[in-house]
Protein backbone atom coordinates (compact mmCIF):
# COMPACT_ATOMS: atom_id res chain seq x y z
CA MET A 1 -266.28 -97.38 -35.46
CA ASP A 2 -263.64 -98.25 -38.03
CA ILE A 3 -260.82 -96.08 -39.36
CA THR A 4 -262.85 -94.93 -42.38
CA ASP A 5 -265.64 -93.63 -40.15
CA ARG A 6 -263.15 -91.86 -37.91
CA LEU A 7 -261.48 -90.23 -40.90
CA LEU A 8 -264.84 -89.13 -42.31
CA ARG A 9 -265.91 -87.74 -38.91
CA SER A 10 -262.62 -85.87 -38.67
CA GLN A 11 -263.12 -84.34 -42.13
CA VAL A 12 -266.66 -83.28 -41.21
CA HIS A 13 -265.39 -81.73 -37.98
CA VAL A 14 -262.74 -79.69 -39.85
CA LEU A 15 -265.32 -78.47 -42.37
CA ALA A 16 -267.82 -77.63 -39.62
CA ASN A 17 -265.17 -75.67 -37.74
CA GLU A 18 -264.35 -73.68 -40.87
CA ALA A 19 -268.04 -73.02 -41.60
CA PHE A 20 -268.56 -71.93 -38.00
CA HIS A 21 -265.68 -69.46 -38.11
CA ARG A 22 -267.03 -68.05 -41.37
CA HIS A 23 -270.40 -67.58 -39.62
CA LEU A 24 -272.17 -69.92 -42.04
CA ILE A 25 -273.44 -72.19 -39.25
CA SER A 26 -274.09 -71.40 -35.60
CA GLY A 27 -273.08 -74.72 -34.07
CA TYR A 28 -271.88 -78.25 -34.69
CA GLY A 29 -270.93 -81.46 -32.94
CA ASP A 30 -271.37 -85.19 -32.72
CA GLY A 31 -274.92 -86.35 -33.21
CA GLU A 32 -276.89 -88.59 -30.93
CA TYR A 33 -275.96 -91.59 -33.05
CA ALA A 34 -272.45 -92.66 -34.08
CA ASP A 35 -273.16 -92.29 -37.81
CA GLN A 36 -274.58 -88.75 -37.55
CA TYR A 37 -273.28 -85.23 -37.10
CA GLN A 38 -275.27 -82.28 -35.81
CA ILE A 39 -275.09 -78.97 -37.64
CA VAL A 40 -277.03 -75.90 -36.52
CA TYR A 41 -277.94 -74.04 -39.71
CA GLN A 42 -280.30 -71.06 -39.80
CA GLY A 43 -281.09 -71.63 -36.13
CA LYS A 44 -282.24 -75.22 -36.58
CA PRO A 45 -280.26 -78.29 -35.50
CA ARG A 46 -279.96 -80.86 -38.26
CA HIS A 47 -278.78 -84.41 -37.69
CA LEU A 48 -277.13 -85.63 -40.86
CA PRO A 49 -275.35 -88.84 -41.82
CA LEU A 50 -271.61 -88.19 -42.03
CA GLU A 51 -271.47 -88.33 -45.84
CA GLN A 52 -274.36 -85.89 -46.13
CA ALA A 53 -272.83 -83.58 -43.53
CA ARG A 54 -269.55 -83.49 -45.45
CA ALA A 55 -271.32 -82.72 -48.73
CA PHE A 56 -273.52 -80.05 -47.12
CA LEU A 57 -270.61 -78.28 -45.44
CA SER A 58 -268.40 -78.47 -48.52
CA THR A 59 -271.14 -76.94 -50.65
CA LEU A 60 -271.88 -74.24 -48.09
CA ILE A 61 -268.22 -73.23 -47.84
CA SER A 62 -267.75 -73.38 -51.60
CA LEU A 63 -270.79 -71.20 -52.29
CA ASN A 64 -269.62 -68.69 -49.69
CA SER A 65 -266.14 -68.61 -51.24
CA CYS A 66 -267.62 -67.82 -54.65
CA LYS A 67 -269.64 -64.92 -53.21
CA THR A 68 -266.66 -63.37 -51.47
CA GLN A 69 -264.51 -63.53 -54.61
CA VAL A 70 -266.98 -61.55 -56.74
């Protein structure tokens, strides 16, 4: 795993932690494969590529932030 992958994984982990503490997801962690991340959303574990996981979590947090500001 190169430095770019480690940085991306770190970003995904930070986003997942934030989403977890906001109660948007119920679990997260490294996936079975090095290029995946597991996110438990609506009770179902999802194994996503790191880029997809980052986009999913960013969108989820952003949408939740918009709802709480209204």
